[in-house]
PDB file of N, CA and C in Angstrom:
ATOM      1  N   UNK A   1      15.986   8.623   7.061  1.00  0.00           N
ATOM      2  CA  UNK A   1      15.077   8.308   6.276  1.00  0.00           C
ATOM      3  C   UNK A   1      15.434   9.422   5.071  1.00  0.00           C
ATOM      4  N   UNK A   2      15.171   8.774   3.986  1.00  0.00           N
ATOM      5  CA  UNK A   2      15.249   9.171   2.996  1.00  0.00           C
ATOM      6  C   UNK A   2      14.515  10.295   2.941  1.00  0.00           C
ATOM      7  N   UNK A   3      14.878  11.621   2.395  1.00  0.00           N
ATOM      8  CA  UNK A   3      14.143  12.817   1.673  1.00  0.00           C
ATOM      9  C   UNK A   3      13.227  12.406   1.067  1.00  0.00           C
ATOM     10  N   UNK A   4      13.187  11.373   0.104  1.00  0.00           N
ATOM     11  CA  UNK A   4      12.392  11.035  -1.066  1.00  0.00           C
ATOM     12  C   UNK A   4      10.920  10.675  -0.190  1.00  0.00           C
ATOM     13  N   UNK A   5      11.082   9.972   0.777  1.00  0.00           N
ATOM     14  CA  UNK A   5       9.603   9.413   2.145  1.00  0.00           C
ATOM     15  C   UNK A   5       9.458   9.917   2.753  1.00  0.00           C
ATOM     16  N   UNK A   6      10.246  11.217   3.220  1.00  0.00           N
ATOM     17  CA  UNK A   6      10.366  11.992   4.611  1.00  0.00           C
ATOM     18  C   UNK A   6       8.569  12.766   3.898  1.00  0.00           C
ATOM     19  N   UNK A   7       7.271  12.261   5.033  1.00  0.00           N
ATOM     20  CA  UNK A   7       6.065  12.799   5.101  1.00  0.00           C
ATOM     21  C   UNK A   7       5.696  12.191   3.594  1.00  0.00           C
ATOM     22  N   UNK A   8       5.646  10.979   3.054  1.00  0.00           N
ATOM     23  CA  UNK A   8       4.970  10.363   2.482  1.00  0.00           C
ATOM     24  C   UNK A   8       4.323   9.589   2.951  1.00  0.00           C
ATOM     25  N   UNK A   9       3.219   9.570   2.434  1.00  0.00           N
ATOM     26  CA  UNK A   9       1.845   8.731   2.790  1.00  0.00           C
ATOM     27  C   UNK A   9       1.657   7.497   2.122  1.00  0.00           C
ATOM     28  N   UNK A  10       1.987   6.572   3.573  1.00  0.00           N
ATOM     29  CA  UNK A  10       2.150   4.724   3.555  1.00  0.00           C
ATOM     30  C   UNK A  10       0.903   4.285   3.972  1.00  0.00           C
ATOM     31  N   UNK A  11       1.014   3.370   3.000  1.00  0.00           N
ATOM     32  CA  UNK A  11      -0.341   2.465   2.636  1.00  0.00           C
ATOM     33  C   UNK A  11      -0.013   0.867   2.593  1.00  0.00           C
ATOM     34  N   UNK A  12      -0.731  -0.163   3.346  1.00  0.00           N
ATOM     35  CA  UNK A  12      -0.400  -0.960   3.534  1.00  0.00           C
ATOM     36  C   UNK A  12      -1.314  -2.129   2.782  1.00  0.00           C
ATOM     37  N   UNK A  13      -1.755  -2.834   1.515  1.00  0.00           N
ATOM     38  CA  UNK A  13      -2.721  -3.379   1.118  1.00  0.00           C
ATOM     39  C   UNK A  13      -2.748  -5.049   1.738  1.00  0.00           C
ATOM     40  N   UNK A  14      -3.711  -5.299   2.430  1.00  0.00           N
ATOM     41  CA  UNK A  14      -4.044  -6.467   3.545  1.00  0.00           C
ATOM     42  C   UNK A  14      -5.432  -6.829   3.309  1.00  0.00           C
ATOM     43  N   UNK A  15      -5.709  -8.050   2.967  1.00  0.00           N
ATOM     44  CA  UNK A  15      -6.569  -8.325   2.867  1.00  0.00           C
ATOM     45  C   UNK A  15      -8.056  -8.625   3.630  1.00  0.00           C
ATOM     46  N   UNK A  16      -9.025  -8.523   3.852  1.00  0.00           N
ATOM     47  CA  UNK A  16      -9.844  -8.133   4.663  1.00  0.00           C
ATOM     48  C   UNK A  16      -9.734 -10.022   5.961  1.00  0.00           C
ATOM     49  N   UNK A  17      -9.305 -11.087   4.788  1.00  0.00           N
ATOM     50  CA  UNK A  17      -9.422 -11.952   5.542  1.00  0.00           C
ATOM     51  C   UNK A  17      -8.185 -12.509   6.335  1.00  0.00           C
ATOM     52  N   UNK A  18      -6.992 -11.917   6.593  1.00  0.00           N
ATOM     53  CA  UNK A  18      -5.702 -12.184   6.707  1.00  0.00           C
ATOM     54  C   UNK A  18      -5.450 -10.839   8.140  1.00  0.00           C
ATOM     55  N   UNK A  19      -5.951 -11.644   9.195  1.00  0.00           N
ATOM     56  CA  UNK A  19      -5.693 -10.661  10.135  1.00  0.00           C
ATOM     57  C   UNK A  19      -4.357 -11.150  11.159  1.00  0.00           C
ATOM     58  N   UNK A  20      -4.270 -12.050  10.506  1.00  0.00           N
ATOM     59  CA  UNK A  20      -2.644 -12.749  10.673  1.00  0.00           C
ATOM     60  C   UNK A  20      -1.732 -11.660  10.382  1.00  0.00           C
ATOM     61  N   UNK A  21      -1.910 -11.098   9.269  1.00  0.00           N
ATOM     62  CA  UNK A  21      -0.815 -10.088   8.575  1.00  0.00           C
ATOM     63  C   UNK A  21      -0.330  -9.189   8.661  1.00  0.00           C
ATOM     64  N   UNK A  22      -2.348  -8.551   9.239  1.00  0.00           N
ATOM     65  CA  UNK A  22      -2.215  -7.375   9.566  1.00  0.00           C
ATOM     66  C   UNK A  22      -1.582  -6.845  10.686  1.00  0.00           C
ATOM     67  N   UNK A  23      -2.017  -7.768  12.058  1.00  0.00           N
ATOM     68  CA  UNK A  23      -0.938  -8.091  13.292  1.00  0.00           C
ATOM     69  C   UNK A  23       0.514  -8.167  13.145  1.00  0.00           C
ATOM     70  N   UNK A  24       0.769  -8.679  12.065  1.00  0.00           N
ATOM     71  CA  UNK A  24       2.164  -8.681  11.835  1.00  0.00           C
ATOM     72  C   UNK A  24       3.049  -7.702  11.432  1.00  0.00           C
ATOM     73  N   UNK A  25       2.103  -6.854  10.715  1.00  0.00           N
ATOM     74  CA  UNK A  25       2.340  -5.510  10.241  1.00  0.00           C
ATOM     75  C   UNK A  25       2.163  -4.143  10.805  1.00  0.00           C
ATOM     76  N   UNK A  26       1.524  -4.242  11.949  1.00  0.00           N
ATOM     77  CA  UNK A  26       1.250  -3.320  13.171  1.00  0.00           C
ATOM     78  C   UNK A  26       2.385  -3.629  13.823  1.00  0.00           C
ATOM     79  N   UNK A  27       2.891  -4.527  14.117  1.00  0.00           N
ATOM     80  CA  UNK A  27       3.866  -4.767  15.212  1.00  0.00           C
ATOM     81  C   UNK A  27       5.424  -4.429  14.433  1.00  0.00           C
ATOM     82  N   UNK A  28       5.477  -4.625  13.634  1.00  0.00           N
ATOM     83  CA  UNK A  28       6.534  -4.521  12.915  1.00  0.00           C
ATOM     84  C   UNK A  28       6.787  -2.989  12.499  1.00  0.00           C
ATOM     85  N   UNK A  29       6.154  -2.507  11.720  1.00  0.00           N
ATOM     86  CA  UNK A  29       5.629  -0.883  11.497  1.00  0.00           C
ATOM     87  C   UNK A  29       5.855   0.053  12.834  1.00  0.00           C
ATOM     88  N   UNK A  30       4.819  -0.689  13.724  1.00  0.00           N
ATOM     89  CA  UNK A  30       5.277   0.299  14.825  1.00  0.00           C
ATOM     90  C   UNK A  30       6.420   0.280  15.800  1.00  0.00           C
ATOM     91  N   UNK A  31       7.030  -1.151  15.675  1.00  0.00           N
ATOM     92  CA  UNK A  31       8.504  -1.106  16.054  1.00  0.00           C
ATOM     93  C   UNK A  31       9.441   0.000  15.294  1.00  0.00           C
ATOM     94  N   UNK A  32       9.505  -0.123  14.729  1.00  0.00           N
ATOM     95  CA  UNK A  32      10.381   1.288  13.645  1.00  0.00           C
ATOM     96  C   UNK A  32       9.504   2.581  13.089  1.00  0.00           C
ATOM     97  N   UNK A  33       8.349   2.694  14.493  1.00  0.00           N
ATOM     98  CA  UNK A  33       7.551   3.956  14.228  1.00  0.00           C
ATOM     99  C   UNK A  33       7.732   4.769  12.499  1.00  0.00           C
ATOM    100  N   UNK A  34       6.991   3.540  11.813  1.00  0.00           N
ATOM    101  CA  UNK A  34       6.569   3.848  10.270  1.00  0.00           C
ATOM    102  C   UNK A  34       5.089   4.566  10.678  1.00  0.00           C
ATOM    103  N   UNK A  35       4.731   5.774  10.229  1.00  0.00           N
ATOM    104  CA  UNK A  35       3.136   6.042  10.190  1.00  0.00           C
ATOM    105  C   UNK A  35       2.674   5.246   8.985  1.00  0.00           C
ATOM    106  N   UNK A  36       1.684   4.672   8.989  1.00  0.00           N
ATOM    107  CA  UNK A  36       0.719   4.006   7.612  1.00  0.00           C
ATOM    108  C   UNK A  36      -0.665   3.787   8.070  1.00  0.00           C
ATOM    109  N   UNK A  37      -1.114   3.207   7.276  1.00  0.00           N
ATOM    110  CA  UNK A  37      -2.594   2.977   7.107  1.00  0.00           C
ATOM    111  C   UNK A  37      -2.971   2.121   6.392  1.00  0.00           C
ATOM    112  N   UNK A  38      -3.669   1.163   6.800  1.00  0.00           N
ATOM    113  CA  UNK A  38      -4.375  -0.139   5.733  1.00  0.00           C
ATOM    114  C   UNK A  38      -5.308   0.249   5.135  1.00  0.00           C
ATOM    115  N   UNK A  39      -5.351  -0.474   3.688  1.00  0.00           N
ATOM    116  CA  UNK A  39      -5.925  -0.821   3.001  1.00  0.00           C
ATOM    117  C   UNK A  39      -6.387  -2.171   2.658  1.00  0.00           C
ATOM    118  N   UNK A  40      -7.784  -2.201   3.447  1.00  0.00           N
ATOM    119  CA  UNK A  40      -8.067  -3.475   3.199  1.00  0.00           C
ATOM    120  C   UNK A  40      -9.704  -4.163   2.011  1.00  0.00           C
ATOM    121  N   UNK A  41      -8.827  -4.369   0.962  1.00  0.00           N
ATOM    122  CA  UNK A  41     -10.109  -5.077   0.490  1.00  0.00           C
ATOM    123  C   UNK A  41     -10.379  -6.457   0.494  1.00  0.00           C
ATOM    124  N   UNK A  42     -11.689  -6.779  -0.474  1.00  0.00           N
ATOM    125  CA  UNK A  42     -11.971  -8.454  -0.213  1.00  0.00           C
ATOM    126  C   UNK A  42     -11.236  -9.115  -1.395  1.00  0.00           C
ATOM    127  N   UNK A  43     -11.076  -9.768  -1.129  1.00  0.00           N
ATOM    128  CA  UNK A  43     -10.101 -11.220  -2.058  1.00  0.00           C
ATOM    129  C   UNK A  43     -11.371 -11.104  -3.263  1.00  0.00           C
ATOM    130  N   UNK A  44     -10.567 -10.559  -4.512  1.00  0.00           N
ATOM    131  CA  UNK A  44     -11.131 -11.088  -5.735  1.00  0.00           C
ATOM    132  C   UNK A  44     -11.176 -12.318  -6.235  1.00  0.00           C
ATOM    133  N   UNK A  45     -11.734 -13.317  -5.950  1.00  0.00           N
ATOM    134  CA  UNK A  45     -11.567 -14.843  -5.819  1.00  0.00           C
ATOM    135  C   UNK A  45     -11.313 -15.101  -7.257  1.00  0.00           C
ATOM    136  N   UNK A  46     -12.197 -14.612  -7.736  1.00  0.00           N
ATOM    137  CA  UNK A  46     -12.510 -14.928  -9.950  1.00  0.00           C
ATOM    138  C   UNK A  46     -11.113 -14.477 -10.718  1.00  0.00           C
ATOM    139  N   UNK A  47     -10.400 -13.210 -10.161  1.00  0.00           N
ATOM    140  CA  UNK A  47      -9.612 -12.492 -10.762  1.00  0.00           C
ATOM    141  C   UNK A  47      -8.581 -11.767  -9.994  1.00  0.00           C
ATOM    142  N   UNK A  48      -7.541 -12.447  -9.081  1.00  0.00           N
ATOM    143  CA  UNK A  48      -6.857 -11.746  -7.854  1.00  0.00           C
ATOM    144  C   UNK A  48      -5.906 -10.899  -8.275  1.00  0.00           C
ATOM    145  N   UNK A  49      -5.551 -10.544  -9.919  1.00  0.00           N
ATOM    146  CA  UNK A  49      -4.996 -10.059 -10.293  1.00  0.00           C
ATOM    147  C   UNK A  49      -5.618  -8.923 -10.987  1.00  0.00           C
ATOM    148  N   UNK A  50      -6.936  -8.670 -11.224  1.00  0.00           N
ATOM    149  CA  UNK A  50      -7.627  -7.691 -11.588  1.00  0.00           C
ATOM    150  C   UNK A  50      -7.657  -6.888  -9.757  1.00  0.00           C
ATOM    151  N   UNK A  51      -7.969  -7.793  -9.184  1.00  0.00           N
ATOM    152  CA  UNK A  51      -8.185  -7.553  -7.671  1.00  0.00           C
ATOM    153  C   UNK A  51      -7.065  -6.477  -7.371  1.00  0.00           C
ATOM    154  N   UNK A  52      -5.607  -7.201  -7.428  1.00  0.00           N
ATOM    155  CA  UNK A  52      -4.575  -6.259  -7.268  1.00  0.00           C
ATOM    156  C   UNK A  52      -4.801  -5.061  -7.564  1.00  0.00           C
ATOM    157  N   UNK A  53      -4.609  -5.250  -9.244  1.00  0.00           N
ATOM    158  CA  UNK A  53      -5.048  -3.772  -9.812  1.00  0.00           C
ATOM    159  C   UNK A  53      -5.493  -2.658  -9.165  1.00  0.00           C
ATOM    160  N   UNK A  54      -6.767  -2.960  -9.308  1.00  0.00           N
ATOM    161  CA  UNK A  54      -7.832  -2.268  -8.476  1.00  0.00           C
ATOM    162  C   UNK A  54      -7.387  -1.644  -7.047  1.00  0.00           C
ATOM    163  N   UNK A  55      -6.457  -2.260  -6.624  1.00  0.00           N
ATOM    164  CA  UNK A  55      -6.216  -1.930  -4.751  1.00  0.00           C
ATOM    165  C   UNK A  55      -4.915  -0.996  -5.348  1.00  0.00           C
ATOM    166  N   UNK A  56      -4.161  -1.254  -6.154  1.00  0.00           N
ATOM    167  CA  UNK A  56      -2.949   0.246  -5.965  1.00  0.00           C
ATOM    168  C   UNK A  56      -4.041   1.337  -7.332  1.00  0.00           C
ATOM    169  N   UNK A  57      -5.057   1.040  -8.071  1.00  0.00           N
ATOM    170  CA  UNK A  57      -5.436   1.921  -8.614  1.00  0.00           C
ATOM    171  C   UNK A  57      -6.612   3.023  -7.755  1.00  0.00           C
ATOM    172  N   UNK A  58      -7.187   2.435  -6.758  1.00  0.00           N
ATOM    173  CA  UNK A  58      -7.742   2.640  -5.799  1.00  0.00           C
ATOM    174  C   UNK A  58      -6.943   3.727  -4.959  1.00  0.00           C
ATOM    175  N   UNK A  59      -5.537   3.617  -4.362  1.00  0.00           N
ATOM    176  CA  UNK A  59      -4.552   4.039  -3.377  1.00  0.00           C
ATOM    177  C   UNK A  59      -4.006   5.563  -4.399  1.00  0.00           C
ATOM    178  N   UNK A  60      -3.918   5.164  -5.487  1.00  0.00           N
ATOM    179  CA  UNK A  60      -3.325   6.104  -6.258  1.00  0.00           C
ATOM    180  C   UNK A  60      -4.386   7.297  -6.895  1.00  0.00           C
ATOM    181  N   UNK A  61      -5.445   6.510  -7.248  1.00  0.00           N
ATOM    182  CA  UNK A  61      -7.119   8.084  -7.717  1.00  0.00           C
ATOM    183  C   UNK A  61      -6.789   8.747  -5.813  1.00  0.00           C
ATOM    184  N   UNK A  62      -6.916   8.006  -4.670  1.00  0.00           N
ATOM    185  CA  UNK A  62      -7.411   8.892  -3.624  1.00  0.00           C
ATOM    186  C   UNK A  62      -5.788   9.736  -3.520  1.00  0.00           C
ATOM    187  N   UNK A  63      -4.699   9.329  -3.812  1.00  0.00           N
ATOM    188  CA  UNK A  63      -3.741  10.245  -3.820  1.00  0.00           C
ATOM    189  C   UNK A  63      -3.787  11.659  -4.435  1.00  0.00           C
ATOM    190  N   UNK A  64      -3.940  11.351  -6.013  1.00  0.00           N
ATOM    191  CA  UNK A  64      -4.237  12.308  -6.745  1.00  0.00           C
ATOM    192  C   UNK A  64      -5.427  13.266  -6.317  1.00  0.00           C
ATOM    193  N   UNK A  65      -6.894  12.343  -5.619  1.00  0.00           N
ATOM    194  CA  UNK A  65      -7.979  13.714  -5.041  1.00  0.00           C
ATOM    195  C   UNK A  65      -7.206  14.042  -3.860  1.00  0.00           C
ATOM    196  N   UNK A  66      -6.227  14.106  -3.106  1.00  0.00           N
ATOM    197  CA  UNK A  66      -5.731  14.704  -1.906  1.00  0.00           C
ATOM    198  C   UNK A  66      -4.392  14.948  -2.459  1.00  0.00           C
ATOM    199  N   UNK A  67      -4.272  15.761  -3.857  1.00  0.00           N
ATOM    200  CA  UNK A  67      -3.085  16.158  -4.181  1.00  0.00           C
ATOM    201  C   UNK A  67      -1.112  15.337  -3.336  1.00  0.00           C
ATOM    202  N   UNK A  68      -1.248  14.492  -3.339  1.00  0.00           N
ATOM    203  CA  UNK A  68      -0.323  14.129  -2.811  1.00  0.00           C
ATOM    204  C   UNK A  68       1.426  14.262  -3.863  1.00  0.00           C
ATOM    205  N   UNK A  69       1.952  14.356  -3.344  1.00  0.00           N
ATOM    206  CA  UNK A  69       2.735  14.199  -4.639  1.00  0.00           C
ATOM    207  C   UNK A  69       3.319  12.921  -4.615  1.00  0.00           C
ATOM    208  N   UNK A  70       3.442  11.885  -3.626  1.00  0.00           N
ATOM    209  CA  UNK A  70       3.869  10.490  -3.948  1.00  0.00           C
ATOM    210  C   UNK A  70       2.965   9.844  -2.677  1.00  0.00           C
ATOM    211  N   UNK A  71       3.415   8.169  -2.846  1.00  0.00           N
ATOM    212  CA  UNK A  71       3.054   7.970  -2.040  1.00  0.00           C
ATOM    213  C   UNK A  71       3.156   6.166  -1.662  1.00  0.00           C
ATOM    214  N   UNK A  72       3.622   5.787  -0.778  1.00  0.00           N
ATOM    215  CA  UNK A  72       4.251   4.369  -0.565  1.00  0.00           C
ATOM    216  C   UNK A  72       3.279   3.504  -0.424  1.00  0.00           C
ATOM    217  N   UNK A  73       2.963   2.113  -0.945  1.00  0.00           N
ATOM    218  CA  UNK A  73       2.075   1.371  -1.600  1.00  0.00           C
ATOM    219  C   UNK A  73       3.099  -0.050  -1.150  1.00  0.00           C
ATOM    220  N   UNK A  74       2.774  -0.656   0.230  1.00  0.00           N
ATOM    221  CA  UNK A  74       3.194  -2.295   0.451  1.00  0.00           C
ATOM    222  C   UNK A  74       2.142  -2.980   0.412  1.00  0.00           C
ATOM    223  N   UNK A  75       2.118  -4.177  -0.657  1.00  0.00           N
ATOM    224  CA  UNK A  75       1.531  -5.218  -0.633  1.00  0.00           C
ATOM    225  C   UNK A  75       1.664  -6.168  -0.301  1.00  0.00           C
ATOM    226  N   UNK A  76       0.959  -6.608   0.745  1.00  0.00           N
ATOM    227  CA  UNK A  76       1.611  -7.479   1.700  1.00  0.00           C
ATOM    228  C   UNK A  76       1.028  -9.045   1.454  1.00  0.00           C
ATOM    229  N   UNK A  77      -0.195  -9.043   0.353  1.00  0.00           N
ATOM    230  CA  UNK A  77      -1.015 -10.392  -0.094  1.00  0.00           C
ATOM    231  C   UNK A  77      -0.197 -11.449  -0.261  1.00  0.00           C
ATOM    232  N   UNK A  78       0.795 -11.315  -0.689  1.00  0.00           N
ATOM    233  CA  UNK A  78       1.839 -12.385  -0.846  1.00  0.00           C
ATOM    234  C   UNK A  78       2.684 -13.037  -0.129  1.00  0.00           C
ATOM    235  N   UNK A  79       3.004 -12.052   1.129  1.00  0.00           N
ATOM    236  CA  UNK A  79       3.648 -12.130   2.324  1.00  0.00           C
ATOM    237  C   UNK A  79       3.763 -13.397   3.199  1.00  0.00           C
ATOM    238  N   UNK A  80       4.751 -13.910   2.830  1.00  0.00           N
ATOM    239  CA  UNK A  80       4.989 -15.321   3.794  1.00  0.00           C
ATOM    240  C   UNK A  80       5.395 -15.260   5.123  1.00  0.00           C
ATOM    241  N   UNK A  81       4.289 -15.540   6.216  1.00  0.00           N
ATOM    242  CA  UNK A  81       5.106 -15.277   7.511  1.00  0.00           C
ATOM    243  C   UNK A  81       6.270 -15.880   7.848  1.00  0.00           C
ATOM    244  N   UNK A  82       6.989 -16.892   7.093  1.00  0.00           N
ATOM    245  CA  UNK A  82       7.471 -17.556   7.600  1.00  0.00           C
ATOM    246  C   UNK A  82       8.942 -16.623   7.984  1.00  0.00           C
ATOM    247  N   UNK A  83      10.502 -17.463   8.481  1.00  0.00           N
ATOM    248  CA  UNK A  83      11.448 -16.340   8.434  1.00  0.00           C
ATOM    249  C   UNK A  83      12.089 -15.744   7.330  1.00  0.00           C
ATOM    250  N   UNK A  84      12.852 -14.528   7.789  1.00  0.00           N
ATOM    251  CA  UNK A  84      13.462 -14.147   7.100  1.00  0.00           C
ATOM    252  C   UNK A  84      12.224 -13.507   5.576  1.00  0.00           C
ATOM    253  N   UNK A  85      11.002 -13.207   6.287  1.00  0.00           N
ATOM    254  CA  UNK A  85       9.812 -12.670   4.962  1.00  0.00           C
ATOM    255  C   UNK A  85      10.364 -11.530   4.582  1.00  0.00           C
ATOM    256  N   UNK A  86      10.372 -11.271   3.318  1.00  0.00           N
ATOM    257  CA  UNK A  86      10.896  -9.944   2.684  1.00  0.00           C
ATOM    258  C   UNK A  86       8.935  -8.923   2.290  1.00  0.00           C
ATOM    259  N   UNK A  87       9.374  -7.713   2.214  1.00  0.00           N
ATOM    260  CA  UNK A  87       8.266  -7.079   1.914  1.00  0.00           C
ATOM    261  C   UNK A  87       8.423  -6.489   0.631  1.00  0.00           C
ATOM    262  N   UNK A  88       7.036  -6.771  -0.314  1.00  0.00           N
ATOM    263  CA  UNK A  88       7.905  -6.056  -1.291  1.00  0.00           C
ATOM    264  C   UNK A  88       6.639  -4.557  -0.950  1.00  0.00           C
ATOM    265  N   UNK A  89       7.497  -3.386  -1.786  1.00  0.00           N
ATOM    266  CA  UNK A  89       6.507  -2.231  -2.134  1.00  0.00           C
ATOM    267  C   UNK A  89       6.953  -1.372  -3.400  1.00  0.00           C
ATOM    268  N   UNK A  90       5.781  -0.431  -3.417  1.00  0.00           N
ATOM    269  CA  UNK A  90       6.064   0.526  -4.626  1.00  0.00           C
ATOM    270  C   UNK A  90       5.686   1.594  -4.422  1.00  0.00           C
ATOM    271  N   UNK A  91       6.986   2.574  -4.809  1.00  0.00           N
ATOM    272  CA  UNK A  91       6.659   3.859  -4.941  1.00  0.00           C
ATOM    273  C   UNK A  91       6.027   4.741  -5.654  1.00  0.00           C
ATOM    274  N   UNK A  92       4.981   5.191  -5.715  1.00  0.00           N
ATOM    275  CA  UNK A  92       4.267   5.789  -6.703  1.00  0.00           C
ATOM    276  C   UNK A  92       4.785   7.614  -6.734  1.00  0.00           C
ATOM    277  N   UNK A  93       5.522   7.585  -7.702  1.00  0.00           N
ATOM    278  CA  UNK A  93       5.749   9.919  -7.655  1.00  0.00           C
ATOM    279  C   UNK A  93       4.612  10.044  -8.387  1.00  0.00           C
ATOM    280  N   UNK A  94       3.716  11.307  -7.831  1.00  0.00           N
ATOM    281  CA  UNK A  94       2.626  11.778  -8.715  1.00  0.00           C
ATOM    282  C   UNK A  94       2.804  12.900  -9.286  1.00  0.00           C
ATOM    283  N   UNK A  95       3.159  13.261 -10.325  1.00  0.00           N
ATOM    284  CA  UNK A  95       2.997  14.561 -10.576  1.00  0.00           C
ATOM    285  C   UNK A  95       1.303  15.395 -10.773  1.00  0.00           C
ATOM    286  N   UNK A  96       1.238  16.279  -9.761  1.00  0.00           N
ATOM    287  CA  UNK A  96      -0.096  16.778  -9.809  1.00  0.00           C
ATOM    288  C   UNK A  96      -0.073  18.095 -10.573  1.00  0.00           C
ATOM    289  N   UNK A  97       1.020  18.531 -11.439  1.00  0.00           N
ATOM    290  CA  UNK A  97       0.748  19.904 -11.979  1.00  0.00           C
ATOM    291  C   UNK A  97       0.440  19.782 -13.310  1.00  0.00           C
ATOM    292  N   UNK A  98      -0.605  18.821 -13.702  1.00  0.00           N
ATOM    293  CA  UNK A  98      -1.135  18.345 -14.918  1.00  0.00           C
ATOM    294  C   UNK A  98      -1.779  17.375 -14.762  1.00  0.00           C
ATOM    295  N   UNK A  99      -2.988  17.369 -15.231  1.00  0.00           N
ATOM    296  CA  UNK A  99      -4.202  16.377 -15.113  1.00  0.00           C
ATOM    297  C   UNK A  99      -3.563  15.024 -15.440  1.00  0.00           C
ATOM    298  N   UNK A 100      -3.916  13.892 -14.468  1.00  0.00           N
ATOM    299  CA  UNK A 100      -4.189  13.117 -14.469  1.00  0.00           C
ATOM    300  C   UNK A 100      -5.590  12.416 -14.954  1.00  0.00           C
ATOM    301  N   UNK A 101      -5.242  11.343 -15.811  1.00  0.00           N
ATOM    302  CA  UNK A 101      -6.548  10.780 -16.276  1.00  0.00           C
ATOM    303  C   UNK A 101      -6.666   8.939 -16.147  1.00  0.00           C
ATOM    304  N   UNK A 102      -6.879   8.462 -14.789  1.00  0.00           N
ATOM    305  CA  UNK A 102      -7.254   6.824 -15.272  1.00  0.00           C
ATOM    306  C   UNK A 102      -8.519   6.358 -15.024  1.00  0.00           C
ATOM    307  N   UNK A 103      -8.893   5.599 -15.907  1.00  0.00           N
ATOM    308  CA  UNK A 103      -9.842   5.122 -16.164  1.00  0.00           C
ATOM    309  C   UNK A 103     -10.766   4.386 -15.470  1.00  0.00           C
TER     310      UNK A 103
END
């Protein structure tokens, strides 16, 4: 594993109504021995893009609160469970030596 990801808190964004994707990720990540936590928001029906942004901001704010230097986020909202599905992820490096303000 890369030193960049060593001891990196890892989160998976998974909408509450998609238990099929939750089970898929649990099986996949456990097989690879990847430690992770789910963040399971309720789908924002009126503005999905805003819901996506709010999910990422929630996890980033939590990282700042806990003084994490970095977090890894897998957003599986658009994951297809078809063959050869790929996972989208974002790695956030958080500089905690100076105050960060997120509205």
